[in-house]
N, C-alpha and C. Protein backbone atom coordinates (compact mmCIF):
# COMPACT_ATOMS: atom_id res chain seq x y z
N UNK A 1 0.69 -1.29 -0.09
CA UNK A 1 0.09 0.21 0.12
C UNK A 1 1.09 1.18 0.20
N UNK A 2 0.51 2.21 -1.04
CA UNK A 2 1.34 3.39 -1.03
C UNK A 2 0.85 4.29 0.47
N UNK A 3 2.02 4.93 1.19
CA UNK A 3 2.04 5.84 1.90
C UNK A 3 1.54 7.33 1.46
N UNK A 4 0.67 7.54 1.53
CA UNK A 4 0.30 9.06 1.28
C UNK A 4 0.58 9.95 2.45
N UNK A 5 0.71 11.43 1.94
CA UNK A 5 1.04 12.75 3.18
C UNK A 5 0.27 12.41 4.00
N UNK A 6 -0.87 12.35 3.69
CA UNK A 6 -2.03 12.36 4.79
C UNK A 6 -1.95 11.18 5.79
N UNK A 7 -1.52 10.53 5.37
CA UNK A 7 -1.57 8.69 6.18
C UNK A 7 -0.07 9.23 7.36
N UNK A 8 0.68 9.78 6.31
CA UNK A 8 2.26 9.99 6.79
C UNK A 8 2.02 10.98 8.25
N UNK A 9 1.20 12.03 8.12
CA UNK A 9 0.78 12.92 8.81
C UNK A 9 0.05 12.31 9.98
N UNK A 10 -0.86 11.74 9.71
CA UNK A 10 -1.88 11.09 10.84
C UNK A 10 -1.05 9.83 11.48
N UNK A 11 -0.13 8.98 11.15
CA UNK A 11 0.91 8.65 11.55
C UNK A 11 1.72 8.96 12.67
N UNK A 12 2.26 10.14 12.23
CA UNK A 12 3.24 10.84 12.71
C UNK A 12 2.64 11.55 14.41
N UNK A 13 1.36 11.98 14.06
CA UNK A 13 0.64 12.55 15.10
C UNK A 13 -0.04 11.49 16.25
N UNK A 14 -0.31 10.08 15.59
CA UNK A 14 -0.36 9.07 16.43
C UNK A 14 0.97 8.81 17.26
N UNK A 15 2.07 8.64 16.77
CA UNK A 15 3.22 8.31 17.16
C UNK A 15 3.90 9.33 18.58
N UNK A 16 3.64 10.84 17.95
CA UNK A 16 3.70 12.01 18.79
C UNK A 16 2.99 11.13 20.16
N UNK A 17 1.44 11.30 19.77
CA UNK A 17 0.80 10.47 21.18
C UNK A 17 1.22 9.78 21.90
N UNK A 18 1.90 8.70 21.24
CA UNK A 18 2.02 7.13 22.18
C UNK A 18 3.29 7.91 22.86
N UNK A 19 4.17 8.74 22.12
CA UNK A 19 5.52 9.13 22.92
C UNK A 19 4.94 9.97 24.34
N UNK A 20 3.92 10.51 24.27
CA UNK A 20 3.42 11.16 25.33
C UNK A 20 2.63 10.59 26.42
N UNK A 21 2.26 9.43 26.35
CA UNK A 21 1.65 8.62 26.49
C UNK A 21 2.78 7.81 27.62
N UNK A 22 3.70 7.51 26.89
CA UNK A 22 4.76 6.80 27.52
C UNK A 22 5.51 7.47 28.49
N UNK A 23 5.57 8.77 28.47
CA UNK A 23 6.26 9.62 29.46
C UNK A 23 5.09 10.37 30.65
N UNK A 24 3.59 9.62 30.55
CA UNK A 24 2.78 10.22 31.37
C UNK A 24 3.16 10.50 32.57
N UNK A 25 2.98 9.31 33.23
CA UNK A 25 3.12 9.29 34.81
C UNK A 25 4.50 9.51 35.26
N UNK A 26 5.56 9.20 34.60
CA UNK A 26 6.92 9.16 34.70
C UNK A 26 7.12 11.08 35.08
N UNK A 27 6.74 11.77 34.11
CA UNK A 27 6.85 13.22 33.96
C UNK A 27 6.15 13.45 35.24
N UNK A 28 5.02 13.04 35.76
CA UNK A 28 4.53 13.67 37.06
C UNK A 28 4.84 13.08 38.21
N UNK A 29 5.35 12.06 38.12
CA UNK A 29 5.44 11.49 39.64
C UNK A 29 7.31 11.06 39.64
N UNK A 30 7.74 10.88 38.41
CA UNK A 30 9.14 10.46 38.58
C UNK A 30 9.27 9.34 39.44
N UNK A 31 10.29 8.72 40.11
CA UNK A 31 10.59 7.75 40.94
C UNK A 31 10.15 7.90 42.35
N UNK A 32 9.82 6.81 43.04
CA UNK A 32 9.43 6.85 44.63
C UNK A 32 9.93 8.08 45.49
N UNK A 33 9.20 8.67 46.29
CA UNK A 33 9.75 9.71 46.94
C UNK A 33 10.68 9.12 47.88
N UNK A 34 11.81 9.95 47.93
CA UNK A 34 13.11 9.65 48.76
C UNK A 34 13.37 10.43 50.08
N UNK A 35 12.44 11.23 50.35
CA UNK A 35 12.31 12.22 51.21
C UNK A 35 11.93 11.23 52.79
N UNK A 36 10.50 10.91 52.38
CA UNK A 36 9.83 10.04 53.59
C UNK A 36 9.97 8.66 52.97
N UNK A 37 10.25 8.10 52.15
CA UNK A 37 10.64 6.89 52.04
C UNK A 37 9.39 5.98 51.58
N UNK A 38 8.34 7.10 51.09
CA UNK A 38 6.87 6.70 50.85
C UNK A 38 6.84 6.25 49.39
N UNK A 39 6.30 5.07 49.25
CA UNK A 39 6.21 4.48 47.74
C UNK A 39 5.13 5.36 46.81
N UNK A 40 5.19 5.66 46.04
CA UNK A 40 4.10 6.52 45.00
C UNK A 40 3.62 5.73 44.25
N UNK A 41 2.26 5.59 44.24
CA UNK A 41 1.96 4.57 43.25
C UNK A 41 1.68 5.28 41.62
N UNK A 42 2.25 4.64 40.52
CA UNK A 42 2.19 5.06 39.33
C UNK A 42 2.42 3.83 38.18
N UNK A 43 0.97 4.15 37.82
CA UNK A 43 0.18 3.05 36.74
C UNK A 43 1.17 2.83 35.63
N UNK A 44 1.27 1.70 35.13
CA UNK A 44 2.07 1.31 33.99
C UNK A 44 1.31 2.01 32.85
N UNK A 45 1.43 2.47 31.63
CA UNK A 45 0.68 2.92 30.72
C UNK A 45 1.04 2.49 29.34
N UNK A 46 0.43 1.69 28.61
CA UNK A 46 0.73 1.48 27.12
C UNK A 46 -0.10 1.79 26.37
N UNK A 47 0.11 2.13 24.73
CA UNK A 47 -0.64 2.73 23.87
C UNK A 47 -0.45 2.10 22.51
N UNK A 48 -1.39 2.37 21.55
CA UNK A 48 -1.28 1.66 20.53
C UNK A 48 -2.16 2.52 19.31
N UNK A 49 -2.18 2.49 17.95
CA UNK A 49 -3.14 2.87 17.28
C UNK A 49 -3.57 2.22 15.98
N UNK A 50 -4.59 2.47 15.67
CA UNK A 50 -5.04 2.10 14.02
C UNK A 50 -5.16 3.55 13.39
N UNK A 51 -5.95 3.06 11.91
CA UNK A 51 -6.38 4.17 11.35
C UNK A 51 -7.71 4.57 11.78
N UNK A 52 -8.56 3.66 12.51
CA UNK A 52 -10.00 3.90 13.63
C UNK A 52 -9.64 4.73 14.58
N UNK A 53 -8.35 4.16 15.43
CA UNK A 53 -8.64 4.58 17.02
C UNK A 53 -7.07 4.72 17.74
N UNK A 54 -7.46 5.39 18.72
CA UNK A 54 -6.26 5.28 19.76
C UNK A 54 -6.63 4.53 20.77
N UNK A 55 -5.94 3.71 21.26
CA UNK A 55 -6.18 3.23 22.47
C UNK A 55 -5.19 3.13 23.33
N UNK A 56 -5.14 3.12 24.84
CA UNK A 56 -4.43 3.34 26.04
C UNK A 56 -5.05 2.22 26.86
N UNK A 57 -3.91 1.58 27.69
CA UNK A 57 -3.92 0.67 28.66
C UNK A 57 -3.70 1.00 29.70
N UNK A 58 -4.03 1.32 31.03
CA UNK A 58 -3.71 1.78 32.26
C UNK A 58 -3.87 0.40 33.04
N UNK A 59 -2.71 -0.08 33.71
CA UNK A 59 -2.72 -1.15 34.66
C UNK A 59 -2.96 -0.34 36.04
N UNK A 60 -3.99 -0.70 36.80
CA UNK A 60 -4.50 -0.09 37.93
C UNK A 60 -5.06 -1.60 38.60
N UNK A 61 -4.04 -2.63 39.37
CA UNK A 61 -4.16 -3.71 39.99
C UNK A 61 -4.89 -3.23 41.49
N UNK A 62 -6.10 -3.71 41.71
CA UNK A 62 -6.61 -3.26 43.38
C UNK A 62 -7.25 -2.04 43.31
N UNK A 63 -7.52 -1.43 42.03
CA UNK A 63 -8.37 0.19 42.10
C UNK A 63 -9.42 -0.12 41.55
N UNK A 64 -10.50 0.23 42.34
CA UNK A 64 -12.09 0.34 42.16
C UNK A 64 -12.73 1.17 41.18
N UNK A 65 -13.43 0.88 40.61
CA UNK A 65 -14.23 1.63 39.24
C UNK A 65 -14.25 2.95 39.77
N UNK A 66 -15.09 3.30 41.43
CA UNK A 66 -15.49 4.25 42.34
C UNK A 66 -14.15 5.21 42.21
N UNK A 67 -12.91 4.50 42.05
CA UNK A 67 -11.33 4.85 42.71
C UNK A 67 -10.68 5.78 41.65
N UNK A 68 -11.02 5.83 40.12
CA UNK A 68 -10.39 6.28 38.97
C UNK A 68 -11.65 6.96 38.32
N UNK A 69 -10.78 8.19 37.82
CA UNK A 69 -11.65 9.28 37.12
C UNK A 69 -11.02 9.70 35.83
N UNK A 70 -11.61 9.80 34.42
CA UNK A 70 -11.21 9.81 33.05
C UNK A 70 -11.93 11.05 32.74
N UNK A 71 -11.46 12.07 32.22
CA UNK A 71 -11.98 13.10 31.98
C UNK A 71 -11.20 13.70 30.75
N UNK A 72 -11.82 14.79 29.92
CA UNK A 72 -11.16 15.28 28.62
C UNK A 72 -11.43 16.72 29.17
N UNK A 73 -10.25 17.44 28.92
CA UNK A 73 -10.35 18.83 29.17
C UNK A 73 -9.13 19.53 28.90
N UNK A 74 -10.00 20.61 27.84
CA UNK A 74 -8.99 21.87 27.37
C UNK A 74 -8.10 20.64 26.32
N UNK A 75 -8.53 20.17 25.47
CA UNK A 75 -7.77 19.07 24.96
C UNK A 75 -6.58 18.16 25.19
N UNK A 76 -6.87 17.69 26.71
CA UNK A 76 -6.32 17.06 26.96
C UNK A 76 -7.06 15.60 28.08
N UNK A 77 -6.92 14.32 28.06
CA UNK A 77 -6.77 13.20 28.47
C UNK A 77 -6.28 13.18 30.01
N UNK A 78 -7.17 13.35 30.65
CA UNK A 78 -6.65 13.46 32.32
C UNK A 78 -7.14 12.19 33.15
N UNK A 79 -6.54 11.47 33.56
CA UNK A 79 -6.79 10.34 34.30
C UNK A 79 -5.85 10.62 35.74
N UNK A 80 -7.16 10.29 36.73
CA UNK A 80 -6.78 10.43 38.28
C UNK A 80 -7.12 9.28 39.03
N UNK A 81 -7.22 9.02 40.16
CA UNK A 81 -7.59 8.03 41.26
C UNK A 81 -6.63 8.02 42.30
N UNK A 82 -6.94 6.56 42.88
CA UNK A 82 -6.16 6.56 43.99
C UNK A 82 -6.38 4.94 44.18
N UNK A 83 -5.00 4.18 44.41
CA UNK A 83 -4.77 3.12 44.84
C UNK A 83 -5.09 3.24 46.43
N UNK A 84 -5.97 2.15 46.94
CA UNK A 84 -5.78 2.19 48.67
C UNK A 84 -5.42 0.79 49.15
N UNK A 85 -4.90 1.33 50.19
CA UNK A 85 -4.16 0.15 51.04
C UNK A 85 -5.29 -0.79 51.30
N UNK A 86 -5.17 -2.19 51.52
CA UNK A 86 -6.24 -3.08 51.86
C UNK A 86 -6.60 -2.59 53.18
N UNK A 87 -7.98 -2.66 53.63
CA UNK A 87 -8.90 -2.32 54.86
C UNK A 87 -8.00 -3.11 56.03
N UNK A 88 -7.41 -2.44 57.20
CA UNK A 88 -7.04 -2.83 58.33
C UNK A 88 -5.41 -2.99 58.41
N UNK A 89 -4.93 -2.60 57.16
CA UNK A 89 -3.72 -2.27 57.06
C UNK A 89 -3.54 -0.84 57.78
N UNK A 90 -2.63 -0.61 58.74
CA UNK A 90 -2.04 0.60 59.15
C UNK A 90 -0.59 1.22 59.14
N UNK A 91 -0.12 1.79 60.09
CA UNK A 91 1.38 2.21 60.08
C UNK A 91 2.13 0.85 60.30
N UNK A 92 1.49 -0.08 60.78
CA UNK A 92 2.49 -1.48 61.48
C UNK A 92 2.51 -2.43 60.08
N UNK A 93 2.25 -2.03 58.94
CA UNK A 93 1.91 -2.87 57.69
C UNK A 93 3.22 -2.97 57.14
N UNK A 94 3.92 -4.03 56.58
CA UNK A 94 5.13 -4.27 55.97
C UNK A 94 4.98 -4.43 54.63
N UNK A 95 4.81 -3.46 53.38
CA UNK A 95 4.97 -3.83 52.14
C UNK A 95 5.87 -3.37 51.17
N UNK A 96 5.81 -3.84 50.14
CA UNK A 96 6.60 -3.45 48.84
C UNK A 96 5.46 -2.38 47.75
N UNK A 97 4.35 -2.81 47.99
CA UNK A 97 3.50 -2.10 47.31
C UNK A 97 3.26 -0.85 47.41
N UNK A 98 2.66 -0.01 46.19
CA UNK A 98 2.87 1.38 46.27
C UNK A 98 1.15 1.73 46.42
N UNK A 99 0.76 2.59 47.08
CA UNK A 99 -0.43 2.95 47.37
C UNK A 99 -0.57 4.41 47.31
N UNK A 100 -1.58 4.87 46.69
CA UNK A 100 -1.63 6.80 47.06
C UNK A 100 -2.37 6.94 45.65
N UNK A 101 -2.39 8.23 45.63
CA UNK A 101 -3.13 9.10 44.44
C UNK A 101 -2.33 8.89 43.63
N UNK A 102 -2.87 9.16 42.16
CA UNK A 102 -2.09 9.20 41.01
C UNK A 102 -2.71 10.14 40.07
N UNK A 103 -2.10 10.79 39.06
CA UNK A 103 -2.72 11.84 38.13
C UNK A 103 -1.82 12.34 36.98
N UNK A 104 -2.32 12.22 35.81
CA UNK A 104 -1.57 12.35 34.49
C UNK A 104 -2.52 12.80 33.56
N UNK A 105 -1.77 13.72 32.52
CA UNK A 105 -2.51 14.52 31.66
C UNK A 105 -1.71 14.17 30.33
N UNK A 106 -2.45 13.90 29.55
CA UNK A 106 -2.13 13.48 27.98
C UNK A 106 -2.50 14.49 26.94
N UNK A 107 -1.64 15.25 26.26
CA UNK A 107 -2.16 16.26 25.25
C UNK A 107 -2.84 15.06 24.36
N UNK A 108 -3.73 15.60 23.47
CA UNK A 108 -4.47 14.79 22.86
C UNK A 108 -4.09 15.56 21.41
N UNK A 109 -4.16 14.37 20.19
CA UNK A 109 -3.77 15.31 18.84
C UNK A 109 -5.25 15.63 18.56
N UNK A 110 -5.06 16.50 17.13
CA UNK A 110 -6.39 16.70 16.81
C UNK A 110 -6.88 15.76 16.00
N UNK A 111 -8.29 15.91 15.79
CA UNK A 111 -8.48 14.67 14.69
C UNK A 111 -9.01 13.40 15.35
N UNK A 112 -9.51 13.55 16.86
CA UNK A 112 -10.33 12.56 17.29
C UNK A 112 -11.39 13.27 17.94
N UNK A 113 -12.67 12.01 17.74
CA UNK A 113 -13.66 12.30 18.05
C UNK A 113 -14.15 12.24 19.86
N UNK A 114 -13.80 13.23 20.59
CA UNK A 114 -13.98 13.13 21.91
C UNK A 114 -15.38 12.99 22.53
N UNK A 115 -16.10 13.21 21.65
CA UNK A 115 -17.58 12.81 22.34
C UNK A 115 -18.01 11.07 22.36
N UNK A 116 -17.16 10.35 21.70
CA UNK A 116 -17.25 8.85 21.90
C UNK A 116 -16.12 8.14 22.34
N UNK A 117 -15.28 8.62 23.40
CA UNK A 117 -14.23 8.32 24.11
C UNK A 117 -15.10 7.21 24.85
N UNK A 118 -14.32 5.87 25.00
CA UNK A 118 -15.05 4.84 25.85
C UNK A 118 -13.96 3.98 26.87
N UNK A 119 -14.29 4.35 27.96
CA UNK A 119 -13.52 3.60 29.19
C UNK A 119 -14.06 2.21 29.58
N UNK A 120 -13.36 1.39 30.16
CA UNK A 120 -13.59 0.01 30.61
C UNK A 120 -12.48 -0.54 31.35
N UNK A 121 -12.88 -0.47 32.68
CA UNK A 121 -12.24 -1.19 33.70
C UNK A 121 -12.53 -2.75 33.81
N UNK A 122 -11.44 -3.37 33.70
CA UNK A 122 -11.80 -4.84 33.75
C UNK A 122 -10.45 -5.65 34.50
N UNK A 123 -10.79 -6.47 35.72
CA UNK A 123 -9.52 -7.10 36.24
C UNK A 123 -8.21 -6.23 36.41
N UNK A 124 -8.54 -5.03 36.49
CA UNK A 124 -7.30 -4.44 37.30
C UNK A 124 -6.79 -3.36 35.80
N UNK A 125 -7.35 -3.42 34.89
CA UNK A 125 -7.07 -3.16 33.55
C UNK A 125 -7.99 -1.95 33.22
N UNK A 126 -7.24 -0.75 32.78
CA UNK A 126 -8.66 0.54 32.47
C UNK A 126 -8.07 0.36 30.87
N UNK A 127 -9.06 0.32 29.85
CA UNK A 127 -8.92 0.33 28.62
C UNK A 127 -9.48 1.44 28.14
N UNK A 128 -8.83 2.37 27.64
CA UNK A 128 -9.36 3.81 26.68
C UNK A 128 -9.28 4.04 25.33
N UNK A 129 -10.35 3.94 24.69
CA UNK A 129 -10.49 3.95 23.31
C UNK A 129 -10.97 5.07 22.63
N UNK A 130 -10.16 5.99 22.02
CA UNK A 130 -10.35 7.45 21.26
C UNK A 130 -10.41 7.48 19.88
N UNK A 131 -11.70 7.28 19.58
CA UNK A 131 -12.16 7.06 17.93
C UNK A 131 -11.44 8.17 17.05
N UNK A 132 -10.87 7.95 15.74
CA UNK A 132 -10.31 9.21 15.08
C UNK A 132 -11.36 9.20 14.24
N UNK A 133 -11.79 10.70 14.05
CA UNK A 133 -13.16 11.23 13.44
C UNK A 133 -12.91 10.75 11.83
N UNK A 134 -14.09 10.51 11.09
CA UNK A 134 -14.01 10.14 9.87
C UNK A 134 -13.26 11.14 8.69
N UNK A 135 -12.87 12.09 8.72
CA UNK A 135 -12.51 13.04 8.10
C UNK A 135 -11.31 12.60 7.87
N UNK A 136 -10.58 12.33 9.00
CA UNK A 136 -9.14 12.00 9.14
C UNK A 136 -8.52 10.61 9.21
N UNK A 137 -9.34 9.53 8.48
CA UNK A 137 -9.04 8.33 8.46
C UNK A 137 -8.58 8.44 6.67
N UNK A 138 -7.75 7.18 6.68
CA UNK A 138 -7.09 7.18 5.09
C UNK A 138 -8.27 6.85 4.28
N UNK A 139 -8.75 7.11 3.27
CA UNK A 139 -9.46 6.50 2.35
C UNK A 139 -8.69 6.45 1.14
N UNK A 140 -9.24 5.21 0.46
CA UNK A 140 -8.76 5.14 -1.08
C UNK A 140 -9.40 5.58 -2.27
N UNK A 141 -9.00 6.02 -2.63
CA UNK A 141 -9.45 6.90 -4.05
C UNK A 141 -9.37 6.00 -5.49
N UNK A 142 -10.83 5.96 -5.93
CA UNK A 142 -10.73 4.67 -6.79
C UNK A 142 -10.20 5.34 -8.15
N UNK A 143 -9.32 4.38 -8.83
CA UNK A 143 -8.70 4.76 -10.22
C UNK A 143 -9.62 4.38 -11.55
N UNK A 144 -9.83 5.27 -12.38
CA UNK A 144 -10.33 4.80 -13.68
C UNK A 144 -9.50 4.28 -14.60
N UNK A 145 -10.07 3.38 -15.42
CA UNK A 145 -9.28 2.60 -16.63
C UNK A 145 -8.60 3.76 -17.32
N UNK A 146 -7.73 2.94 -17.96
CA UNK A 146 -6.86 4.11 -18.81
C UNK A 146 -7.45 4.32 -20.14
N UNK A 147 -8.46 3.47 -20.45
CA UNK A 147 -9.05 3.84 -21.91
C UNK A 147 -9.53 5.23 -22.12
N UNK A 148 -9.53 5.74 -23.10
CA UNK A 148 -9.98 6.76 -23.49
C UNK A 148 -11.21 6.66 -23.87
N UNK A 149 -12.32 7.09 -23.87
CA UNK A 149 -13.91 6.91 -23.96
C UNK A 149 -13.92 7.33 -25.72
N UNK A 150 -14.58 6.26 -26.19
CA UNK A 150 -14.79 6.72 -27.73
C UNK A 150 -16.07 7.41 -28.09
N UNK A 151 -15.53 7.95 -29.03
CA UNK A 151 -16.47 9.11 -29.46
C UNK A 151 -17.61 8.44 -30.36
N UNK A 152 -19.10 9.03 -30.10
CA UNK A 152 -20.33 8.25 -31.12
C UNK A 152 -20.29 9.31 -32.20
N UNK A 153 -20.25 8.82 -33.54
CA UNK A 153 -20.71 9.75 -34.41
C UNK A 153 -22.05 10.53 -34.41
N UNK A 154 -22.15 11.55 -34.51
CA UNK A 154 -23.53 12.46 -34.64
C UNK A 154 -24.04 11.83 -36.18
N UNK A 155 -25.77 11.27 -35.76
CA UNK A 155 -25.98 10.97 -37.17
C UNK A 155 -26.82 12.24 -37.99
N UNK A 156 -26.82 12.08 -39.11
CA UNK A 156 -26.99 12.98 -40.14
C UNK A 156 -28.71 13.12 -40.13
């Protein structure tokens, strides 16, 4: 399949978006806090795209649906929530698991249908699908046959 300028532009935009997602939570939290030796929960995020949609997957083990919120604001996808420690665990618990609030923003590329964003939380995985508007999708242009049309003589 030939790579058109429009398709390259869309792919470049989607690749830029994917790189933004890759940096999403690292840019906001970095590594666990050293000052108070508290571990900060930083969900793993991965992304992919097709000609029809952008897909994000946020790994949120132990996070309930009511403890996560996804919004679109000013051209950004905002993911925030909290991973809570198990009930009954207090200051005397020893854990290597990270708990706490998380927050991240992703700048969204143009050409997405933000009214049709779909989120689904299942088995500790948040799947977010952002459809591409119809006008931005690559479309094939039909090619007519190379035969020249024949002229029909006028009758006298």
